[in-house]
């Protein structure tokens, strides 16, 4: 696989290629640190939770390690950088478990979700274990006073994620669409983008980079996370159940304020069926398919995609001051891949 080539952005398995080539030396210590972090939980974990770790793309830890190598180069990374990447993946898995509880999702990546397999009470506690173990891992990763700010950043990130989930649940769909769109970006920043910001900023920090470079990398990560969230919104309306593991249009069915739905609501007006459904009108399966088709026929779909691409391009621009390297190019390719991948 040639990184920083247009074929990279079209690849369906870019992250796996990055792990296999650019991060091949980091894979064994990553797996070892993950096994060590999961060992104290073995009595409480089932195959369902293990599958989340085994079958995930590990995109967020890849961002952390690429950001670290963008500073450190190809020589062996400090142990704390790889340990931080493991902790980041655990934090992500915790959010997946809690997301499925909130959404009452029966499936995750085509497999039973933790709450479906083990019940909501157990899922809450198992998710909490991942959060706590992730924080413990970050604390253990620091080895100098200047790293202490990272612990505060990790705690703030976890707090922001929780606030973002609550903000989404508390969204008042009777608000004006322009207000809802503004609120959408605020929620996306807290719910999704903040974790990518942590990944990139922590990578630079743990590799011994300057604080100004760490902050710039964090801005890159947040733009990347924004683009990913919008694309997930679009895939909800475009992806077949066989590929996504869940029915199409679940955001509309659950009345979630996704960006293409909000743009469609603004275009179609308050009296259209789509707008009424988002404000609480019942919807059956036949009506759902019709509403999804109507949303896709608006300019809202293309407007949302344009926004995602803008975020990805802004992310790439934020990397320009860093020295040219295959690791920087890989981060740029990831940003393009997020918006160029097919549903």
C-alpha atoms as a PDB file:
ATOM      1  CA  UNK A   1       0.000   0.000   0.000  1.00  0.00           C
ATOM      2  CA  UNK A   2       1.418   3.396  -0.991  1.00  0.00           C
ATOM      3  CA  UNK A   3       0.586   6.035   1.587  1.00  0.00           C
ATOM      4  CA  UNK A   4      -0.225   9.584   0.530  1.00  0.00           C
ATOM      5  CA  UNK A   5      -1.587   8.400  -2.804  1.00  0.00           C
ATOM      6  CA  UNK A   6      -5.156   8.735  -4.077  1.00  0.00           C
ATOM      7  CA  UNK A   7      -5.533   4.976  -3.966  1.00  0.00           C
ATOM      8  CA  UNK A   8      -5.043   5.101  -0.206  1.00  0.00           C
ATOM      9  CA  UNK A   9      -8.111   7.243   0.315  1.00  0.00           C
ATOM     10  CA  UNK A  10     -10.167   4.753  -1.705  1.00  0.00           C
ATOM     11  CA  UNK A  11      -8.955   1.718   0.214  1.00  0.00           C
ATOM     12  CA  UNK A  12     -11.575   0.020   2.355  1.00  0.00           C
ATOM     13  CA  UNK A  13      -9.010  -1.034   4.921  1.00  0.00           C
ATOM     14  CA  UNK A  14      -6.695   1.944   5.323  1.00  0.00           C
ATOM     15  CA  UNK A  15      -6.384   1.629   9.099  1.00  0.00           C
ATOM     16  CA  UNK A  16      -5.436  -2.052   8.882  1.00  0.00           C
ATOM     17  CA  UNK A  17      -2.798  -1.173   6.283  1.00  0.00           C
ATOM     18  CA  UNK A  18      -1.331   1.503   8.538  1.00  0.00           C
ATOM     19  CA  UNK A  19      -1.091  -0.953  11.427  1.00  0.00           C
ATOM     20  CA  UNK A  20       0.488  -3.579   9.160  1.00  0.00           C
ATOM     21  CA  UNK A  21       3.094  -1.259   7.662  1.00  0.00           C
ATOM     22  CA  UNK A  22       3.744   1.968   9.558  1.00  0.00           C
ATOM     23  CA  UNK A  23       2.834   0.697  13.017  1.00  0.00           C
ATOM     24  CA  UNK A  24       4.032  -2.909  12.661  1.00  0.00           C
ATOM     25  CA  UNK A  25       6.629  -2.468  15.408  1.00  0.00           C
ATOM     26  CA  UNK A  26       4.008  -1.014  17.750  1.00  0.00           C
ATOM     27  CA  UNK A  27       1.500  -3.840  17.288  1.00  0.00           C
ATOM     28  CA  UNK A  28       3.158  -6.438  19.589  1.00  0.00           C
ATOM     29  CA  UNK A  29       3.638  -4.059  22.562  1.00  0.00           C
ATOM     30  CA  UNK A  30       0.111  -2.695  21.997  1.00  0.00           C
ATOM     31  CA  UNK A  31      -1.329  -6.224  22.197  1.00  0.00           C
ATOM     32  CA  UNK A  32       0.776  -6.974  25.277  1.00  0.00           C
ATOM     33  CA  UNK A  33      -0.305  -3.809  27.095  1.00  0.00           C
ATOM     34  CA  UNK A  34      -3.951  -4.485  26.186  1.00  0.00           C
ATOM     35  CA  UNK A  35      -3.773  -8.038  27.540  1.00  0.00           C
ATOM     36  CA  UNK A  36      -2.206  -6.678  30.717  1.00  0.00           C
ATOM     37  CA  UNK A  37      -4.938  -4.054  31.104  1.00  0.00           C
ATOM     38  CA  UNK A  38      -7.734  -6.584  30.529  1.00  0.00           C
ATOM     39  CA  UNK A  39      -6.283  -9.247  32.836  1.00  0.00           C
ATOM     40  CA  UNK A  40      -7.778  -7.847  36.082  1.00  0.00           C
ATOM     41  CA  UNK A  41     -11.216  -7.904  34.423  1.00  0.00           C
ATOM     42  CA  UNK A  42     -11.128 -11.449  33.081  1.00  0.00           C
ATOM     43  CA  UNK A  43     -13.691 -12.748  35.569  1.00  0.00           C
ATOM     44  CA  UNK A  44     -16.160 -10.107  34.408  1.00  0.00           C
ATOM     45  CA  UNK A  45     -15.657 -10.111  30.641  1.00  0.00           C
ATOM     46  CA  UNK A  46     -17.422 -12.320  28.121  1.00  0.00           C
ATOM     47  CA  UNK A  47     -16.725 -13.039  24.452  1.00  0.00           C
ATOM     48  CA  UNK A  48     -19.022 -10.116  23.604  1.00  0.00           C
ATOM     49  CA  UNK A  49     -16.706  -7.552  25.191  1.00  0.00           C
ATOM     50  CA  UNK A  50     -13.574  -9.285  23.911  1.00  0.00           C
ATOM     51  CA  UNK A  51     -14.986  -9.047  20.381  1.00  0.00           C
ATOM     52  CA  UNK A  52     -15.124  -5.256  20.716  1.00  0.00           C
ATOM     53  CA  UNK A  53     -11.371  -5.240  21.264  1.00  0.00           C
ATOM     54  CA  UNK A  54     -10.533  -7.972  18.770  1.00  0.00           C
ATOM     55  CA  UNK A  55     -12.609  -6.763  15.812  1.00  0.00           C
ATOM     56  CA  UNK A  56     -12.305  -2.991  16.166  1.00  0.00           C
ATOM     57  CA  UNK A  57     -10.357  -0.991  13.572  1.00  0.00           C
ATOM     58  CA  UNK A  58      -8.270   0.676  16.306  1.00  0.00           C
ATOM     59  CA  UNK A  59      -8.525   3.980  14.463  1.00  0.00           C
ATOM     60  CA  UNK A  60      -8.096   6.189  17.532  1.00  0.00           C
ATOM     61  CA  UNK A  61      -4.948   4.466  18.847  1.00  0.00           C
ATOM     62  CA  UNK A  62      -3.589   4.549  15.297  1.00  0.00           C
ATOM     63  CA  UNK A  63      -4.047   8.333  15.287  1.00  0.00           C
ATOM     64  CA  UNK A  64      -2.237   8.572  18.628  1.00  0.00           C
ATOM     65  CA  UNK A  65       0.690   6.447  17.491  1.00  0.00           C
ATOM     66  CA  UNK A  66       1.000   8.194  14.119  1.00  0.00           C
ATOM     67  CA  UNK A  67       1.014  11.560  15.876  1.00  0.00           C
ATOM     68  CA  UNK A  68       3.699  10.265  18.229  1.00  0.00           C
ATOM     69  CA  UNK A  69       5.802   8.958  15.346  1.00  0.00           C
ATOM     70  CA  UNK A  70       5.336  12.221  13.466  1.00  0.00           C
ATOM     71  CA  UNK A  71       7.423  13.713  16.292  1.00  0.00           C
ATOM     72  CA  UNK A  72       9.585  10.744  17.290  1.00  0.00           C
ATOM     73  CA  UNK A  73      10.343   9.138  13.940  1.00  0.00           C
ATOM     74  CA  UNK A  74      10.780   5.432  13.185  1.00  0.00           C
ATOM     75  CA  UNK A  75      12.898   4.487  16.213  1.00  0.00           C
ATOM     76  CA  UNK A  76      11.148   2.596  19.051  1.00  0.00           C
ATOM     77  CA  UNK A  77       8.519   4.726  20.756  1.00  0.00           C
ATOM     78  CA  UNK A  78       8.561   5.304  24.515  1.00  0.00           C
ATOM     79  CA  UNK A  79       6.547   2.666  26.344  1.00  0.00           C
ATOM     80  CA  UNK A  80       4.192   5.335  27.614  1.00  0.00           C
ATOM     81  CA  UNK A  81       3.081   6.218  24.064  1.00  0.00           C
ATOM     82  CA  UNK A  82       1.950   2.656  23.335  1.00  0.00           C
ATOM     83  CA  UNK A  83       0.395   2.374  26.793  1.00  0.00           C
ATOM     84  CA  UNK A  84      -1.488   5.598  26.117  1.00  0.00           C
ATOM     85  CA  UNK A  85      -2.779   4.169  22.834  1.00  0.00           C
ATOM     86  CA  UNK A  86      -4.148   1.118  24.670  1.00  0.00           C
ATOM     87  CA  UNK A  87      -5.857   3.314  27.245  1.00  0.00           C
ATOM     88  CA  UNK A  88      -7.411   5.368  24.464  1.00  0.00           C
ATOM     89  CA  UNK A  89      -8.866   2.229  22.873  1.00  0.00           C
ATOM     90  CA  UNK A  90     -10.329   1.206  26.228  1.00  0.00           C
ATOM     91  CA  UNK A  91     -11.900   4.632  26.598  1.00  0.00           C
ATOM     92  CA  UNK A  92     -13.415   4.235  23.133  1.00  0.00           C
ATOM     93  CA  UNK A  93     -14.795   0.773  23.921  1.00  0.00           C
ATOM     94  CA  UNK A  94     -16.388   2.198  27.073  1.00  0.00           C
ATOM     95  CA  UNK A  95     -18.194   4.804  24.969  1.00  0.00           C
ATOM     96  CA  UNK A  96     -19.401   2.111  22.542  1.00  0.00           C
ATOM     97  CA  UNK A  97     -20.899   0.060  25.353  1.00  0.00           C
ATOM     98  CA  UNK A  98     -22.623   3.085  26.862  1.00  0.00           C
ATOM     99  CA  UNK A  99     -23.821   4.302  23.436  1.00  0.00           C
ATOM    100  CA  UNK A 100     -25.544   0.976  22.817  1.00  0.00           C
ATOM    101  CA  UNK A 101     -27.233   1.170  26.221  1.00  0.00           C
ATOM    102  CA  UNK A 102     -28.531   4.668  25.510  1.00  0.00           C
ATOM    103  CA  UNK A 103     -29.713   3.699  22.009  1.00  0.00           C
ATOM    104  CA  UNK A 104     -31.029   0.309  23.161  1.00  0.00           C
ATOM    105  CA  UNK A 105     -29.081  -1.179  20.253  1.00  0.00           C
ATOM    106  CA  UNK A 106     -29.229  -4.932  19.825  1.00  0.00           C
ATOM    107  CA  UNK A 107     -26.264  -5.067  17.458  1.00  0.00           C
ATOM    108  CA  UNK A 108     -22.742  -3.657  17.320  1.00  0.00           C
ATOM    109  CA  UNK A 109     -20.751  -4.340  14.136  1.00  0.00           C
ATOM    110  CA  UNK A 110     -23.221  -7.049  13.235  1.00  0.00           C
ATOM    111  CA  UNK A 111     -22.760  -8.871  16.559  1.00  0.00           C
ATOM    112  CA  UNK A 112     -24.916  -8.731  19.712  1.00  0.00           C
ATOM    113  CA  UNK A 113     -24.246  -5.596  21.748  1.00  0.00           C
ATOM    114  CA  UNK A 114     -23.173  -5.966  25.373  1.00  0.00           C
ATOM    115  CA  UNK A 115     -26.539  -4.793  26.686  1.00  0.00           C
ATOM    116  CA  UNK A 116     -28.385  -7.202  24.375  1.00  0.00           C
ATOM    117  CA  UNK A 117     -26.162 -10.126  25.325  1.00  0.00           C
ATOM    118  CA  UNK A 118     -25.839  -9.505  29.069  1.00  0.00           C
ATOM    119  CA  UNK A 119     -28.520  -7.024  30.113  1.00  0.00           C
ATOM    120  CA  UNK A 120     -28.397  -3.306  30.776  1.00  0.00           C
ATOM    121  CA  UNK A 121     -27.200  -3.504  34.383  1.00  0.00           C
ATOM    122  CA  UNK A 122     -24.168  -5.636  33.526  1.00  0.00           C
ATOM    123  CA  UNK A 123     -23.428  -3.524  30.433  1.00  0.00           C
ATOM    124  CA  UNK A 124     -23.348  -0.317  32.502  1.00  0.00           C
ATOM    125  CA  UNK A 125     -20.896  -1.821  34.964  1.00  0.00           C
ATOM    126  CA  UNK A 126     -18.682  -3.399  32.304  1.00  0.00           C
ATOM    127  CA  UNK A 127     -18.581  -0.086  30.467  1.00  0.00           C
ATOM    128  CA  UNK A 128     -17.622   1.663  33.693  1.00  0.00           C
ATOM    129  CA  UNK A 129     -14.790  -0.820  34.195  1.00  0.00           C
ATOM    130  CA  UNK A 130     -13.369   0.118  30.793  1.00  0.00           C
ATOM    131  CA  UNK A 131     -13.543   3.822  31.665  1.00  0.00           C
ATOM    132  CA  UNK A 132     -11.760   3.341  34.980  1.00  0.00           C
ATOM    133  CA  UNK A 133      -9.094   1.055  33.543  1.00  0.00           C
ATOM    134  CA  UNK A 134      -8.495   3.523  30.709  1.00  0.00           C
ATOM    135  CA  UNK A 135      -7.873   6.358  33.177  1.00  0.00           C
ATOM    136  CA  UNK A 136      -5.579   4.118  35.237  1.00  0.00           C
ATOM    137  CA  UNK A 137      -3.589   3.341  32.110  1.00  0.00           C
ATOM    138  CA  UNK A 138      -3.068   6.996  31.259  1.00  0.00           C
ATOM    139  CA  UNK A 139      -1.959   7.726  34.823  1.00  0.00           C
ATOM    140  CA  UNK A 140       0.557   4.881  34.665  1.00  0.00           C
ATOM    141  CA  UNK A 141       1.841   6.116  31.296  1.00  0.00           C
ATOM    142  CA  UNK A 142       3.163   9.432  32.561  1.00  0.00           C
ATOM    143  CA  UNK A 143       6.753   9.551  33.784  1.00  0.00           C
ATOM    144  CA  UNK A 144       7.554  13.244  34.082  1.00  0.00           C
ATOM    145  CA  UNK A 145       5.959  16.341  35.567  1.00  0.00           C
ATOM    146  CA  UNK A 146       5.199  17.844  32.154  1.00  0.00           C
ATOM    147  CA  UNK A 147       2.954  14.849  31.393  1.00  0.00           C
ATOM    148  CA  UNK A 148       0.649  15.632  34.323  1.00  0.00           C
ATOM    149  CA  UNK A 149      -1.387  18.002  32.157  1.00  0.00           C
ATOM    150  CA  UNK A 150      -2.257  14.949  30.040  1.00  0.00           C
ATOM    151  CA  UNK A 151      -4.078  13.337  32.967  1.00  0.00           C
ATOM    152  CA  UNK A 152      -6.228  16.441  33.316  1.00  0.00           C
ATOM    153  CA  UNK A 153      -6.883  16.371  29.555  1.00  0.00           C
ATOM    154  CA  UNK A 154      -7.968  12.719  29.731  1.00  0.00           C
ATOM    155  CA  UNK A 155     -10.339  13.408  32.628  1.00  0.00           C
ATOM    156  CA  UNK A 156     -11.736  16.451  30.848  1.00  0.00           C
ATOM    157  CA  UNK A 157     -12.241  14.358  27.699  1.00  0.00           C
ATOM    158  CA  UNK A 158     -14.190  11.703  29.613  1.00  0.00           C
ATOM    159  CA  UNK A 159     -16.314  14.443  31.185  1.00  0.00           C
ATOM    160  CA  UNK A 160     -16.954  16.060  27.795  1.00  0.00           C
ATOM    161  CA  UNK A 161     -18.032  12.731  26.285  1.00  0.00           C
ATOM    162  CA  UNK A 162     -20.592  12.264  29.051  1.00  0.00           C
ATOM    163  CA  UNK A 163     -21.862  15.817  28.558  1.00  0.00           C
ATOM    164  CA  UNK A 164     -22.144  15.230  24.817  1.00  0.00           C
ATOM    165  CA  UNK A 165     -24.277  12.120  25.354  1.00  0.00           C
ATOM    166  CA  UNK A 166     -26.558  14.052  27.720  1.00  0.00           C
ATOM    167  CA  UNK A 167     -26.738  16.999  25.321  1.00  0.00           C
ATOM    168  CA  UNK A 168     -27.896  14.669  22.557  1.00  0.00           C
ATOM    169  CA  UNK A 169     -30.608  13.172  24.757  1.00  0.00           C
ATOM    170  CA  UNK A 170     -31.774  16.623  25.871  1.00  0.00           C
ATOM    171  CA  UNK A 171     -32.047  18.114  22.371  1.00  0.00           C
ATOM    172  CA  UNK A 172     -35.392  19.905  21.959  1.00  0.00           C
ATOM    173  CA  UNK A 173     -36.449  19.180  18.381  1.00  0.00           C
ATOM    174  CA  UNK A 174     -39.051  21.953  18.532  1.00  0.00           C
ATOM    175  CA  UNK A 175     -36.246  24.512  18.268  1.00  0.00           C
ATOM    176  CA  UNK A 176     -35.602  26.406  15.059  1.00  0.00           C
ATOM    177  CA  UNK A 177     -33.469  24.309  12.631  1.00  0.00           C
ATOM    178  CA  UNK A 178     -30.688  26.921  12.683  1.00  0.00           C
ATOM    179  CA  UNK A 179     -30.481  26.581  16.476  1.00  0.00           C
ATOM    180  CA  UNK A 180     -30.510  22.804  16.190  1.00  0.00           C
ATOM    181  CA  UNK A 181     -27.646  22.872  13.675  1.00  0.00           C
ATOM    182  CA  UNK A 182     -25.574  25.044  16.001  1.00  0.00           C
ATOM    183  CA  UNK A 183     -26.342  22.675  18.854  1.00  0.00           C
ATOM    184  CA  UNK A 184     -25.434  19.703  16.650  1.00  0.00           C
ATOM    185  CA  UNK A 185     -21.857  20.904  16.196  1.00  0.00           C
ATOM    186  CA  UNK A 186     -21.480  21.579  19.907  1.00  0.00           C
ATOM    187  CA  UNK A 187     -22.705  18.063  20.711  1.00  0.00           C
ATOM    188  CA  UNK A 188     -20.529  16.449  18.011  1.00  0.00           C
ATOM    189  CA  UNK A 189     -17.488  18.208  19.426  1.00  0.00           C
ATOM    190  CA  UNK A 190     -18.142  16.778  22.878  1.00  0.00           C
ATOM    191  CA  UNK A 191     -19.457  13.348  21.931  1.00  0.00           C
ATOM    192  CA  UNK A 192     -17.079  12.362  19.100  1.00  0.00           C
ATOM    193  CA  UNK A 193     -14.465  14.938  18.136  1.00  0.00           C
ATOM    194  CA  UNK A 194     -12.977  15.346  21.605  1.00  0.00           C
ATOM    195  CA  UNK A 195     -11.699  11.743  21.670  1.00  0.00           C
ATOM    196  CA  UNK A 196      -9.850  12.205  18.371  1.00  0.00           C
ATOM    197  CA  UNK A 197      -8.458  15.464  19.702  1.00  0.00           C
ATOM    198  CA  UNK A 198      -7.166  13.588  22.740  1.00  0.00           C
ATOM    199  CA  UNK A 199      -5.625  10.904  20.494  1.00  0.00           C
ATOM    200  CA  UNK A 200      -3.571  13.328  18.416  1.00  0.00           C
ATOM    201  CA  UNK A 201      -2.634  15.656  21.278  1.00  0.00           C
ATOM    202  CA  UNK A 202      -1.638  12.788  23.580  1.00  0.00           C
ATOM    203  CA  UNK A 203       0.471  11.222  20.833  1.00  0.00           C
ATOM    204  CA  UNK A 204       2.583  14.352  20.439  1.00  0.00           C
ATOM    205  CA  UNK A 205       2.787  14.863  24.208  1.00  0.00           C
ATOM    206  CA  UNK A 206       3.852  11.288  24.978  1.00  0.00           C
ATOM    207  CA  UNK A 207       6.502  11.457  22.260  1.00  0.00           C
ATOM    208  CA  UNK A 208       8.047  14.488  23.951  1.00  0.00           C
ATOM    209  CA  UNK A 209       6.762  17.088  21.493  1.00  0.00           C
ATOM    210  CA  UNK A 210       6.276  20.778  22.235  1.00  0.00           C
ATOM    211  CA  UNK A 211       3.022  21.868  23.845  1.00  0.00           C
ATOM    212  CA  UNK A 212       2.254  24.125  20.858  1.00  0.00           C
ATOM    213  CA  UNK A 213       2.620  21.140  18.513  1.00  0.00           C
ATOM    214  CA  UNK A 214       0.452  19.022  20.798  1.00  0.00           C
ATOM    215  CA  UNK A 215      -2.318  21.630  20.718  1.00  0.00           C
ATOM    216  CA  UNK A 216      -2.125  21.901  16.931  1.00  0.00           C
ATOM    217  CA  UNK A 217      -2.351  18.105  16.653  1.00  0.00           C
ATOM    218  CA  UNK A 218      -5.369  18.222  18.959  1.00  0.00           C
ATOM    219  CA  UNK A 219      -7.100  20.661  16.606  1.00  0.00           C
ATOM    220  CA  UNK A 220      -6.363  18.256  13.746  1.00  0.00           C
ATOM    221  CA  UNK A 221      -7.924  15.394  15.701  1.00  0.00           C
ATOM    222  CA  UNK A 222     -11.071  17.341  16.492  1.00  0.00           C
ATOM    223  CA  UNK A 223     -11.588  18.253  12.832  1.00  0.00           C
ATOM    224  CA  UNK A 224     -11.074  14.600  11.928  1.00  0.00           C
ATOM    225  CA  UNK A 225     -13.638  13.563  14.548  1.00  0.00           C
ATOM    226  CA  UNK A 226     -16.159  16.088  13.255  1.00  0.00           C
ATOM    227  CA  UNK A 227     -15.801  14.721   9.723  1.00  0.00           C
ATOM    228  CA  UNK A 228     -16.224  11.164  10.991  1.00  0.00           C
ATOM    229  CA  UNK A 229     -19.399  12.038  12.911  1.00  0.00           C
ATOM    230  CA  UNK A 230     -21.027  13.674   9.888  1.00  0.00           C
ATOM    231  CA  UNK A 231     -20.113  10.725   7.686  1.00  0.00           C
ATOM    232  CA  UNK A 232     -21.638   8.346  10.235  1.00  0.00           C
ATOM    233  CA  UNK A 233     -24.808  10.454  10.038  1.00  0.00           C
ATOM    234  CA  UNK A 234     -24.817  10.068   6.257  1.00  0.00           C
ATOM    235  CA  UNK A 235     -24.125   6.336   6.388  1.00  0.00           C
ATOM    236  CA  UNK A 236     -27.134   5.922   8.684  1.00  0.00           C
ATOM    237  CA  UNK A 237     -29.267   7.080   5.750  1.00  0.00           C
ATOM    238  CA  UNK A 238     -27.330   5.310   2.996  1.00  0.00           C
ATOM    239  CA  UNK A 239     -25.856   2.075   4.318  1.00  0.00           C
ATOM    240  CA  UNK A 240     -27.583  -1.278   3.940  1.00  0.00           C
ATOM    241  CA  UNK A 241     -28.316  -3.267   7.091  1.00  0.00           C
ATOM    242  CA  UNK A 242     -26.123  -6.114   5.834  1.00  0.00           C
ATOM    243  CA  UNK A 243     -23.108  -3.775   5.886  1.00  0.00           C
ATOM    244  CA  UNK A 244     -23.835  -1.672   8.976  1.00  0.00           C
ATOM    245  CA  UNK A 245     -25.431  -4.294  11.205  1.00  0.00           C
ATOM    246  CA  UNK A 246     -28.434  -2.043  11.890  1.00  0.00           C
ATOM    247  CA  UNK A 247     -31.503  -0.899   9.918  1.00  0.00           C
ATOM    248  CA  UNK A 248     -31.190   2.185   7.725  1.00  0.00           C
ATOM    249  CA  UNK A 249     -32.602   5.432   9.111  1.00  0.00           C
ATOM    250  CA  UNK A 250     -32.243   4.667  12.821  1.00  0.00           C
ATOM    251  CA  UNK A 251     -31.363   8.292  13.591  1.00  0.00           C
ATOM    252  CA  UNK A 252     -34.726   9.373  12.187  1.00  0.00           C
ATOM    253  CA  UNK A 253     -36.556   6.564  13.961  1.00  0.00           C
ATOM    254  CA  UNK A 254     -34.933   7.554  17.264  1.00  0.00           C
ATOM    255  CA  UNK A 255     -35.385  11.263  16.506  1.00  0.00           C
ATOM    256  CA  UNK A 256     -31.676  11.986  16.762  1.00  0.00           C
ATOM    257  CA  UNK A 257     -30.526  15.341  15.447  1.00  0.00           C
ATOM    258  CA  UNK A 258     -28.099  14.214  12.741  1.00  0.00           C
ATOM    259  CA  UNK A 259     -26.778  16.895  10.399  1.00  0.00           C
ATOM    260  CA  UNK A 260     -28.423  15.687   7.134  1.00  0.00           C
ATOM    261  CA  UNK A 261     -31.749  15.333   8.969  1.00  0.00           C
ATOM    262  CA  UNK A 262     -31.485  18.877  10.316  1.00  0.00           C
ATOM    263  CA  UNK A 263     -30.625  20.282   6.893  1.00  0.00           C
ATOM    264  CA  UNK A 264     -33.574  18.348   5.418  1.00  0.00           C
ATOM    265  CA  UNK A 265     -35.838  19.644   8.180  1.00  0.00           C
ATOM    266  CA  UNK A 266     -34.759  23.195   7.353  1.00  0.00           C
ATOM    267  CA  UNK A 267     -35.392  22.670   3.628  1.00  0.00           C
ATOM    268  CA  UNK A 268     -38.671  20.761   3.853  1.00  0.00           C
ATOM    269  CA  UNK A 269     -40.291  23.060   6.386  1.00  0.00           C
ATOM    270  CA  UNK A 270     -42.040  22.458   9.723  1.00  0.00           C
ATOM    271  CA  UNK A 271     -45.162  20.812   8.252  1.00  0.00           C
ATOM    272  CA  UNK A 272     -43.387  18.076   6.277  1.00  0.00           C
ATOM    273  CA  UNK A 273     -43.636  14.502   7.533  1.00  0.00           C
ATOM    274  CA  UNK A 274     -39.884  14.320   8.207  1.00  0.00           C
ATOM    275  CA  UNK A 275     -40.053  17.405  10.439  1.00  0.00           C
ATOM    276  CA  UNK A 276     -43.128  16.086  12.235  1.00  0.00           C
ATOM    277  CA  UNK A 277     -41.438  12.724  12.854  1.00  0.00           C
ATOM    278  CA  UNK A 278     -38.365  14.431  14.305  1.00  0.00           C
ATOM    279  CA  UNK A 279     -40.686  16.312  16.661  1.00  0.00           C
ATOM    280  CA  UNK A 280     -42.371  13.109  17.844  1.00  0.00           C
ATOM    281  CA  UNK A 281     -44.933  11.863  15.298  1.00  0.00           C
ATOM    282  CA  UNK A 282     -45.074   8.024  15.204  1.00  0.00           C
ATOM    283  CA  UNK A 283     -43.386   6.249  12.318  1.00  0.00           C
ATOM    284  CA  UNK A 284     -43.735   2.678  11.028  1.00  0.00           C
ATOM    285  CA  UNK A 285     -41.299   0.736   8.857  1.00  0.00           C
ATOM    286  CA  UNK A 286     -42.976   1.725   5.573  1.00  0.00           C
ATOM    287  CA  UNK A 287     -43.069   5.364   6.566  1.00  0.00           C
ATOM    288  CA  UNK A 288     -39.418   5.196   7.608  1.00  0.00           C
ATOM    289  CA  UNK A 289     -38.283   4.052   4.160  1.00  0.00           C
ATOM    290  CA  UNK A 290     -40.336   6.800   2.533  1.00  0.00           C
ATOM    291  CA  UNK A 291     -38.966   9.487   4.859  1.00  0.00           C
ATOM    292  CA  UNK A 292     -35.379   8.336   4.330  1.00  0.00           C
ATOM    293  CA  UNK A 293     -35.887   8.587   0.566  1.00  0.00           C
ATOM    294  CA  UNK A 294     -37.325  12.095   0.965  1.00  0.00           C
ATOM    295  CA  UNK A 295     -34.376  13.179   3.084  1.00  0.00           C
ATOM    296  CA  UNK A 296     -31.917  11.840   0.525  1.00  0.00           C
ATOM    297  CA  UNK A 297     -33.739  13.770  -2.196  1.00  0.00           C
ATOM    298  CA  UNK A 298     -33.068  17.096  -0.461  1.00  0.00           C
ATOM    299  CA  UNK A 299     -29.883  19.132  -0.652  1.00  0.00           C
ATOM    300  CA  UNK A 300     -29.341  18.291   3.013  1.00  0.00           C
ATOM    301  CA  UNK A 301     -27.458  15.121   2.109  1.00  0.00           C
ATOM    302  CA  UNK A 302     -24.964  16.921  -0.136  1.00  0.00           C
ATOM    303  CA  UNK A 303     -24.659  19.889   2.267  1.00  0.00           C
ATOM    304  CA  UNK A 304     -23.732  17.561   5.112  1.00  0.00           C
ATOM    305  CA  UNK A 305     -21.157  15.780   2.947  1.00  0.00           C
ATOM    306  CA  UNK A 306     -19.666  19.130   1.943  1.00  0.00           C
ATOM    307  CA  UNK A 307     -19.348  20.023   5.625  1.00  0.00           C
ATOM    308  CA  UNK A 308     -17.607  16.711   6.372  1.00  0.00           C
ATOM    309  CA  UNK A 309     -15.150  17.258   3.543  1.00  0.00           C
ATOM    310  CA  UNK A 310     -14.451  20.818   4.703  1.00  0.00           C
ATOM    311  CA  UNK A 311     -13.617  19.500   8.166  1.00  0.00           C
ATOM    312  CA  UNK A 312     -11.266  16.884   6.685  1.00  0.00           C
ATOM    313  CA  UNK A 313      -9.462  19.448   4.535  1.00  0.00           C
ATOM    314  CA  UNK A 314      -9.105  21.820   7.476  1.00  0.00           C
ATOM    315  CA  UNK A 315      -7.644  18.913   9.452  1.00  0.00           C
ATOM    316  CA  UNK A 316      -5.024  18.348   6.759  1.00  0.00           C
ATOM    317  CA  UNK A 317      -4.081  22.032   6.709  1.00  0.00           C
ATOM    318  CA  UNK A 318      -3.422  21.896  10.444  1.00  0.00           C
ATOM    319  CA  UNK A 319      -0.708  19.282   9.803  1.00  0.00           C
ATOM    320  CA  UNK A 320       1.201  21.402   7.266  1.00  0.00           C
ATOM    321  CA  UNK A 321       3.618  22.971   9.806  1.00  0.00           C
ATOM    322  CA  UNK A 322       4.851  19.522  10.872  1.00  0.00           C
ATOM    323  CA  UNK A 323       7.886  18.155   8.996  1.00  0.00           C
ATOM    324  CA  UNK A 324       7.043  16.029   5.987  1.00  0.00           C
ATOM    325  CA  UNK A 325       7.109  12.331   6.848  1.00  0.00           C
ATOM    326  CA  UNK A 326       5.252   9.155   6.020  1.00  0.00           C
ATOM    327  CA  UNK A 327       3.521   9.423   9.400  1.00  0.00           C
ATOM    328  CA  UNK A 328       2.173  12.896   8.688  1.00  0.00           C
ATOM    329  CA  UNK A 329       1.104  11.733   5.240  1.00  0.00           C
ATOM    330  CA  UNK A 330      -0.710   8.774   6.803  1.00  0.00           C
ATOM    331  CA  UNK A 331      -2.674  11.123   9.070  1.00  0.00           C
ATOM    332  CA  UNK A 332      -3.569  13.220   6.038  1.00  0.00           C
ATOM    333  CA  UNK A 333      -4.671  10.095   4.179  1.00  0.00           C
ATOM    334  CA  UNK A 334      -6.832   9.050   7.120  1.00  0.00           C
ATOM    335  CA  UNK A 335      -8.604  12.409   7.011  1.00  0.00           C
ATOM    336  CA  UNK A 336      -9.313  11.928   3.303  1.00  0.00           C
ATOM    337  CA  UNK A 337     -10.321   8.310   3.792  1.00  0.00           C
ATOM    338  CA  UNK A 338     -12.946   9.302   6.361  1.00  0.00           C
ATOM    339  CA  UNK A 339     -14.840  11.307   3.739  1.00  0.00           C
ATOM    340  CA  UNK A 340     -13.984   9.236   0.654  1.00  0.00           C
ATOM    341  CA  UNK A 341     -14.863   5.780   1.979  1.00  0.00           C
ATOM    342  CA  UNK A 342     -17.962   4.125   0.606  1.00  0.00           C
ATOM    343  CA  UNK A 343     -20.980   3.236   2.788  1.00  0.00           C
END
